Amino acid sequence: MKTIRVRVKPNARACALEQMADGTWLARVKSPPVEGKANEELVSLLAEHFAVRKAQISIKSGASGRMKLVQIQD
């Protein structure tokens, strides 16, 4: 199990995930930050990148902000 810090940029033109120099991840998602749509797309993006199921990813803190702590179970 690992925990990563993710900075989310909603309303992006394309979905992308990249690791920054300080170890945090930058996630660009197309969805707007309304009714949890951006969080759902973030979970899908992380699941695809780390090759795990969506159920293995949970947002531990920052669900309503741009900086999130995300836990990924192996």
PDB file of N, CA and C in Angstrom:
ATOM      1  N   MET A   1       0.843  -1.168   0.000  1.00  0.00           N
ATOM      2  CA  MET A   1       0.000   0.000   0.000  1.00  0.00           C
ATOM      3  C   MET A   1       0.892   1.235   0.000  1.00  0.00           C
ATOM      4  N   LYS A   2       0.552   2.193  -0.850  1.00  0.00           N
ATOM      5  CA  LYS A   2       1.330   3.428  -0.866  1.00  0.00           C
ATOM      6  C   LYS A   2       0.403   4.623  -0.899  1.00  0.00           C
ATOM      7  N   THR A   3       0.915   5.733  -0.415  1.00  0.00           N
ATOM      8  CA  THR A   3       0.175   6.979  -0.383  1.00  0.00           C
ATOM      9  C   THR A   3       0.928   8.008  -1.211  1.00  0.00           C
ATOM     10  N   ILE A   4       0.204   8.672  -2.103  1.00  0.00           N
ATOM     11  CA  ILE A   4       0.824   9.688  -2.949  1.00  0.00           C
ATOM     12  C   ILE A   4       0.072  11.003  -2.792  1.00  0.00           C
ATOM     13  N   ARG A   5       0.773  12.089  -3.063  1.00  0.00           N
ATOM     14  CA  ARG A   5       0.155  13.423  -3.072  1.00  0.00           C
ATOM     15  C   ARG A   5      -0.143  13.772  -4.522  1.00  0.00           C
ATOM     16  N   VAL A   6      -1.364  14.210  -4.772  1.00  0.00           N
ATOM     17  CA  VAL A   6      -1.789  14.534  -6.134  1.00  0.00           C
ATOM     18  C   VAL A   6      -2.365  15.930  -6.167  1.00  0.00           C
ATOM     19  N   ARG A   7      -1.909  16.718  -7.119  1.00  0.00           N
ATOM     20  CA  ARG A   7      -2.496  18.041  -7.379  1.00  0.00           C
ATOM     21  C   ARG A   7      -3.355  17.896  -8.628  1.00  0.00           C
ATOM     22  N   VAL A   8      -4.621  18.255  -8.518  1.00  0.00           N
ATOM     23  CA  VAL A   8      -5.579  18.056  -9.607  1.00  0.00           C
ATOM     24  C   VAL A   8      -5.877  19.378 -10.295  1.00  0.00           C
ATOM     25  N   LYS A   9      -5.862  19.348 -11.617  1.00  0.00           N
ATOM     26  CA  LYS A   9      -6.266  20.509 -12.417  1.00  0.00           C
ATOM     27  C   LYS A   9      -7.493  20.100 -13.228  1.00  0.00           C
ATOM     28  N   PRO A  10      -8.682  20.484 -12.784  1.00  0.00           N
ATOM     29  CA  PRO A  10      -9.904  20.139 -13.527  1.00  0.00           C
ATOM     30  C   PRO A  10     -10.073  21.015 -14.762  1.00  0.00           C
ATOM     31  N   ASN A  11     -11.003  20.632 -15.619  1.00  0.00           N
ATOM     32  CA  ASN A  11     -11.333  21.353 -16.856  1.00  0.00           C
ATOM     33  C   ASN A  11     -10.146  21.449 -17.812  1.00  0.00           C
ATOM     34  N   ALA A  12      -9.301  20.434 -17.842  1.00  0.00           N
ATOM     35  CA  ALA A  12      -8.162  20.433 -18.758  1.00  0.00           C
ATOM     36  C   ALA A  12      -8.618  19.993 -20.145  1.00  0.00           C
ATOM     37  N   ARG A  13      -7.797  20.263 -21.136  1.00  0.00           N
ATOM     38  CA  ARG A  13      -8.141  19.844 -22.495  1.00  0.00           C
ATOM     39  C   ARG A  13      -7.999  18.345 -22.681  1.00  0.00           C
ATOM     40  N   ALA A  14      -7.013  17.761 -22.010  1.00  0.00           N
ATOM     41  CA  ALA A  14      -6.776  16.320 -22.134  1.00  0.00           C
ATOM     42  C   ALA A  14      -6.405  15.746 -20.769  1.00  0.00           C
ATOM     43  N   CYS A  15      -6.693  14.470 -20.577  1.00  0.00           N
ATOM     44  CA  CYS A  15      -6.330  13.798 -19.327  1.00  0.00           C
ATOM     45  C   CYS A  15      -4.849  13.438 -19.374  1.00  0.00           C
ATOM     46  N   ALA A  16      -4.150  13.718 -18.288  1.00  0.00           N
ATOM     47  CA  ALA A  16      -2.725  13.397 -18.214  1.00  0.00           C
ATOM     48  C   ALA A  16      -2.319  13.260 -16.757  1.00  0.00           C
ATOM     49  N   LEU A  17      -1.276  12.448 -16.541  1.00  0.00           N
ATOM     50  CA  LEU A  17      -0.742  12.249 -15.201  1.00  0.00           C
ATOM     51  C   LEU A  17       0.771  12.285 -15.308  1.00  0.00           C
ATOM     52  N   GLU A  18       1.407  13.153 -14.530  1.00  0.00           N
ATOM     53  CA  GLU A  18       2.863  13.239 -14.570  1.00  0.00           C
ATOM     54  C   GLU A  18       3.401  13.479 -13.171  1.00  0.00           C
ATOM     55  N   GLN A  19       4.604  12.979 -12.935  1.00  0.00           N
ATOM     56  CA  GLN A  19       5.231  13.152 -11.630  1.00  0.00           C
ATOM     57  C   GLN A  19       6.115  14.388 -11.666  1.00  0.00           C
ATOM     58  N   MET A  20       5.988  15.217 -10.636  1.00  0.00           N
ATOM     59  CA  MET A  20       6.759  16.442 -10.550  1.00  0.00           C
ATOM     60  C   MET A  20       8.105  16.162  -9.881  1.00  0.00           C
ATOM     61  N   ALA A  21       8.996  17.137  -9.901  1.00  0.00           N
ATOM     62  CA  ALA A  21      10.342  16.969  -9.343  1.00  0.00           C
ATOM     63  C   ALA A  21      10.329  16.734  -7.838  1.00  0.00           C
ATOM     64  N   ASP A  22       9.341  17.294  -7.132  1.00  0.00           N
ATOM     65  CA  ASP A  22       9.291  17.136  -5.677  1.00  0.00           C
ATOM     66  C   ASP A  22       8.584  15.853  -5.232  1.00  0.00           C
ATOM     67  N   GLY A  23       8.182  14.999  -6.170  1.00  0.00           N
ATOM     68  CA  GLY A  23       7.569  13.719  -5.833  1.00  0.00           C
ATOM     69  C   GLY A  23       6.056  13.714  -5.868  1.00  0.00           C
ATOM     70  N   THR A  24       5.428  14.881  -5.954  1.00  0.00           N
ATOM     71  CA  THR A  24       3.974  14.916  -6.069  1.00  0.00           C
ATOM     72  C   THR A  24       3.588  14.627  -7.518  1.00  0.00           C
ATOM     73  N   TRP A  25       2.346  14.271  -7.711  1.00  0.00           N
ATOM     74  CA  TRP A  25       1.829  13.981  -9.044  1.00  0.00           C
ATOM     75  C   TRP A  25       0.901  15.103  -9.468  1.00  0.00           C
ATOM     76  N   LEU A  26       0.916  15.428 -10.757  1.00  0.00           N
ATOM     77  CA  LEU A  26       0.012  16.420 -11.327  1.00  0.00           C
ATOM     78  C   LEU A  26      -0.958  15.671 -12.233  1.00  0.00           C
ATOM     79  N   ALA A  27      -2.233  15.765 -11.913  1.00  0.00           N
ATOM     80  CA  ALA A  27      -3.265  15.089 -12.695  1.00  0.00           C
ATOM     81  C   ALA A  27      -4.133  16.138 -13.379  1.00  0.00           C
ATOM     82  N   ARG A  28      -4.195  16.057 -14.683  1.00  0.00           N
ATOM     83  CA  ARG A  28      -5.086  16.934 -15.449  1.00  0.00           C
ATOM     84  C   ARG A  28      -6.289  16.097 -15.856  1.00  0.00           C
ATOM     85  N   VAL A  29      -7.484  16.570 -15.497  1.00  0.00           N
ATOM     86  CA  VAL A  29      -8.708  15.845 -15.829  1.00  0.00           C
ATOM     87  C   VAL A  29      -9.652  16.763 -16.585  1.00  0.00           C
ATOM     88  N   LYS A  30     -10.433  16.177 -17.485  1.00  0.00           N
ATOM     89  CA  LYS A  30     -11.355  16.948 -18.309  1.00  0.00           C
ATOM     90  C   LYS A  30     -12.600  17.388 -17.548  1.00  0.00           C
ATOM     91  N   SER A  31     -12.993  16.613 -16.563  1.00  0.00           N
ATOM     92  CA  SER A  31     -14.246  16.871 -15.845  1.00  0.00           C
ATOM     93  C   SER A  31     -14.170  18.134 -14.988  1.00  0.00           C
ATOM     94  N   PRO A  32     -15.311  18.797 -14.811  1.00  0.00           N
ATOM     95  CA  PRO A  32     -15.349  19.950 -13.906  1.00  0.00           C
ATOM     96  C   PRO A  32     -15.415  19.477 -12.456  1.00  0.00           C
ATOM     97  N   PRO A  33     -15.017  20.326 -11.517  1.00  0.00           N
ATOM     98  CA  PRO A  33     -15.061  19.938 -10.103  1.00  0.00           C
ATOM     99  C   PRO A  33     -16.466  20.092  -9.505  1.00  0.00           C
ATOM    100  N   VAL A  34     -17.430  19.415 -10.101  1.00  0.00           N
ATOM    101  CA  VAL A  34     -18.818  19.515  -9.678  1.00  0.00           C
ATOM    102  C   VAL A  34     -19.338  18.117  -9.368  1.00  0.00           C
ATOM    103  N   GLU A  35     -19.954  17.958  -8.203  1.00  0.00           N
ATOM    104  CA  GLU A  35     -20.591  16.702  -7.788  1.00  0.00           C
ATOM    105  C   GLU A  35     -19.639  15.504  -7.836  1.00  0.00           C
ATOM    106  N   GLY A  36     -18.354  15.733  -7.583  1.00  0.00           N
ATOM    107  CA  GLY A  36     -17.390  14.644  -7.519  1.00  0.00           C
ATOM    108  C   GLY A  36     -16.962  14.070  -8.855  1.00  0.00           C
ATOM    109  N   LYS A  37     -17.311  14.713  -9.962  1.00  0.00           N
ATOM    110  CA  LYS A  37     -16.957  14.186 -11.288  1.00  0.00           C
ATOM    111  C   LYS A  37     -15.451  14.183 -11.504  1.00  0.00           C
ATOM    112  N   ALA A  38     -14.759  15.228 -11.059  1.00  0.00           N
ATOM    113  CA  ALA A  38     -13.306  15.291 -11.222  1.00  0.00           C
ATOM    114  C   ALA A  38     -12.630  14.212 -10.367  1.00  0.00           C
ATOM    115  N   ASN A  39     -13.154  13.957  -9.175  1.00  0.00           N
ATOM    116  CA  ASN A  39     -12.589  12.907  -8.326  1.00  0.00           C
ATOM    117  C   ASN A  39     -12.771  11.533  -8.960  1.00  0.00           C
ATOM    118  N   GLU A  40     -13.929  11.281  -9.560  1.00  0.00           N
ATOM    119  CA  GLU A  40     -14.172  10.001 -10.230  1.00  0.00           C
ATOM    120  C   GLU A  40     -13.200   9.807 -11.388  1.00  0.00           C
ATOM    121  N   GLU A  41     -12.996  10.866 -12.157  1.00  0.00           N
ATOM    122  CA  GLU A  41     -12.065  10.769 -13.282  1.00  0.00           C
ATOM    123  C   GLU A  41     -10.629  10.601 -12.789  1.00  0.00           C
ATOM    124  N   LEU A  42     -10.292  11.228 -11.676  1.00  0.00           N
ATOM    125  CA  LEU A  42      -8.968  11.067 -11.083  1.00  0.00           C
ATOM    126  C   LEU A  42      -8.730   9.616 -10.681  1.00  0.00           C
ATOM    127  N   VAL A  43      -9.708   9.005 -10.033  1.00  0.00           N
ATOM    128  CA  VAL A  43      -9.574   7.604  -9.618  1.00  0.00           C
ATOM    129  C   VAL A  43      -9.393   6.709 -10.843  1.00  0.00           C
ATOM    130  N   SER A  44     -10.138   6.954 -11.896  1.00  0.00           N
ATOM    131  CA  SER A  44      -9.998   6.166 -13.122  1.00  0.00           C
ATOM    132  C   SER A  44      -8.614   6.336 -13.737  1.00  0.00           C
ATOM    133  N   LEU A  45      -8.131   7.569 -13.765  1.00  0.00           N
ATOM    134  CA  LEU A  45      -6.818   7.853 -14.331  1.00  0.00           C
ATOM    135  C   LEU A  45      -5.708   7.174 -13.538  1.00  0.00           C
ATOM    136  N   LEU A  46      -5.787   7.242 -12.212  1.00  0.00           N
ATOM    137  CA  LEU A  46      -4.783   6.601 -11.364  1.00  0.00           C
ATOM    138  C   LEU A  46      -4.843   5.080 -11.482  1.00  0.00           C
ATOM    139  N   ALA A  47      -6.044   4.525 -11.556  1.00  0.00           N
ATOM    140  CA  ALA A  47      -6.193   3.070 -11.685  1.00  0.00           C
ATOM    141  C   ALA A  47      -5.566   2.576 -12.982  1.00  0.00           C
ATOM    142  N   GLU A  48      -5.769   3.319 -14.040  1.00  0.00           N
ATOM    143  CA  GLU A  48      -5.181   2.937 -15.329  1.00  0.00           C
ATOM    144  C   GLU A  48      -3.653   3.048 -15.296  1.00  0.00           C
ATOM    145  N   HIS A  49      -3.139   4.112 -14.706  1.00  0.00           N
ATOM    146  CA  HIS A  49      -1.692   4.329 -14.684  1.00  0.00           C
ATOM    147  C   HIS A  49      -0.959   3.310 -13.813  1.00  0.00           C
ATOM    148  N   PHE A  50      -1.517   3.009 -12.632  1.00  0.00           N
ATOM    149  CA  PHE A  50      -0.858   2.095 -11.710  1.00  0.00           C
ATOM    150  C   PHE A  50      -1.304   0.639 -11.885  1.00  0.00           C
ATOM    151  N   ALA A  51      -2.136   0.369 -12.878  1.00  0.00           N
ATOM    152  CA  ALA A  51      -2.608  -0.977 -13.222  1.00  0.00           C
ATOM    153  C   ALA A  51      -3.267  -1.680 -12.038  1.00  0.00           C
ATOM    154  N   VAL A  52      -4.198  -0.978 -11.398  1.00  0.00           N
ATOM    155  CA  VAL A  52      -4.985  -1.552 -10.301  1.00  0.00           C
ATOM    156  C   VAL A  52      -6.463  -1.266 -10.586  1.00  0.00           C
ATOM    157  N   ARG A  53      -7.331  -1.901  -9.805  1.00  0.00           N
ATOM    158  CA  ARG A  53      -8.765  -1.649  -9.945  1.00  0.00           C
ATOM    159  C   ARG A  53      -9.120  -0.329  -9.273  1.00  0.00           C
ATOM    160  N   LYS A  54     -10.228   0.248  -9.694  1.00  0.00           N
ATOM    161  CA  LYS A  54     -10.677   1.511  -9.104  1.00  0.00           C
ATOM    162  C   LYS A  54     -10.958   1.355  -7.610  1.00  0.00           C
ATOM    163  N   ALA A  55     -11.423   0.167  -7.211  1.00  0.00           N
ATOM    164  CA  ALA A  55     -11.756  -0.071  -5.807  1.00  0.00           C
ATOM    165  C   ALA A  55     -10.517  -0.060  -4.912  1.00  0.00           C
ATOM    166  N   GLN A  56      -9.326  -0.185  -5.491  1.00  0.00           N
ATOM    167  CA  GLN A  56      -8.090  -0.190  -4.719  1.00  0.00           C
ATOM    168  C   GLN A  56      -7.552   1.218  -4.485  1.00  0.00           C
ATOM    169  N   ILE A  57      -8.237   2.220  -4.996  1.00  0.00           N
ATOM    170  CA  ILE A  57      -7.788   3.605  -4.859  1.00  0.00           C
ATOM    171  C   ILE A  57      -8.803   4.369  -4.023  1.00  0.00           C
ATOM    172  N   SER A  58      -8.308   5.092  -3.024  1.00  0.00           N
ATOM    173  CA  SER A  58      -9.206   5.902  -2.203  1.00  0.00           C
ATOM    174  C   SER A  58      -8.551   7.248  -1.900  1.00  0.00           C
ATOM    175  N   ILE A  59      -9.375   8.281  -1.867  1.00  0.00           N
ATOM    176  CA  ILE A  59      -8.914   9.626  -1.538  1.00  0.00           C
ATOM    177  C   ILE A  59      -9.024   9.777  -0.031  1.00  0.00           C
ATOM    178  N   LYS A  60      -7.882   9.871   0.638  1.00  0.00           N
ATOM    179  CA  LYS A  60      -7.861   9.924   2.100  1.00  0.00           C
ATOM    180  C   LYS A  60      -8.125  11.327   2.633  1.00  0.00           C
ATOM    181  N   SER A  61      -7.612  12.341   1.950  1.00  0.00           N
ATOM    182  CA  SER A  61      -7.879  13.720   2.382  1.00  0.00           C
ATOM    183  C   SER A  61      -7.835  14.639   1.179  1.00  0.00           C
ATOM    184  N   GLY A  62      -8.529  15.749   1.288  1.00  0.00           N
ATOM    185  CA  GLY A  62      -8.536  16.738   0.220  1.00  0.00           C
ATOM    186  C   GLY A  62      -9.566  16.479  -0.857  1.00  0.00           C
ATOM    187  N   ALA A  63     -10.632  15.759  -0.548  1.00  0.00           N
ATOM    188  CA  ALA A  63     -11.634  15.419  -1.559  1.00  0.00           C
ATOM    189  C   ALA A  63     -12.277  16.656  -2.189  1.00  0.00           C
ATOM    190  N   SER A  64     -12.333  17.765  -1.438  1.00  0.00           N
ATOM    191  CA  SER A  64     -12.951  18.967  -1.994  1.00  0.00           C
ATOM    192  C   SER A  64     -11.918  20.015  -2.411  1.00  0.00           C
ATOM    193  N   GLY A  65     -10.635  19.697  -2.303  1.00  0.00           N
ATOM    194  CA  GLY A  65      -9.593  20.643  -2.690  1.00  0.00           C
ATOM    195  C   GLY A  65      -8.788  20.133  -3.874  1.00  0.00           C
ATOM    196  N   ARG A  66      -7.794  20.906  -4.256  1.00  0.00           N
ATOM    197  CA  ARG A  66      -6.956  20.503  -5.391  1.00  0.00           C
ATOM    198  C   ARG A  66      -5.815  19.586  -4.982  1.00  0.00           C
ATOM    199  N   MET A  67      -5.313  19.727  -3.752  1.00  0.00           N
ATOM    200  CA  MET A  67      -4.258  18.844  -3.250  1.00  0.00           C
ATOM    201  C   MET A  67      -4.910  17.692  -2.506  1.00  0.00           C
ATOM    202  N   LYS A  68      -4.584  16.479  -2.904  1.00  0.00           N
ATOM    203  CA  LYS A  68      -5.210  15.298  -2.326  1.00  0.00           C
ATOM    204  C   LYS A  68      -4.154  14.300  -1.876  1.00  0.00           C
ATOM    205  N   LEU A  69      -4.471  13.560  -0.831  1.00  0.00           N
ATOM    206  CA  LEU A  69      -3.679  12.403  -0.435  1.00  0.00           C
ATOM    207  C   LEU A  69      -4.462  11.186  -0.905  1.00  0.00           C
ATOM    208  N   VAL A  70      -3.850  10.398  -1.767  1.00  0.00           N
ATOM    209  CA  VAL A  70      -4.508   9.243  -2.357  1.00  0.00           C
ATOM    210  C   VAL A  70      -3.779   7.989  -1.924  1.00  0.00           C
ATOM    211  N   GLN A  71      -4.554   7.001  -1.487  1.00  0.00           N
ATOM    212  CA  GLN A  71      -3.985   5.732  -1.047  1.00  0.00           C
ATOM    213  C   GLN A  71      -4.256   4.679  -2.110  1.00  0.00           C
ATOM    214  N   ILE A  72      -3.195   3.946  -2.487  1.00  0.00           N
ATOM    215  CA  ILE A  72      -3.305   2.894  -3.494  1.00  0.00           C
ATOM    216  C   ILE A  72      -2.926   1.570  -2.843  1.00  0.00           C
ATOM    217  N   GLN A  73      -3.868   0.634  -2.860  1.00  0.00           N
ATOM    218  CA  GLN A  73      -3.608  -0.689  -2.296  1.00  0.00           C
ATOM    219  C   GLN A  73      -3.053  -1.597  -3.381  1.00  0.00           C
ATOM    220  N   ASP A  74      -2.083  -2.421  -2.986  1.00  0.00           N
ATOM    221  CA  ASP A  74      -1.480  -3.362  -3.947  1.00  0.00           C
ATOM    222  C   ASP A  74      -2.309  -4.618  -4.078  1.00  0.00           C
TER     223      ASP A  74
END
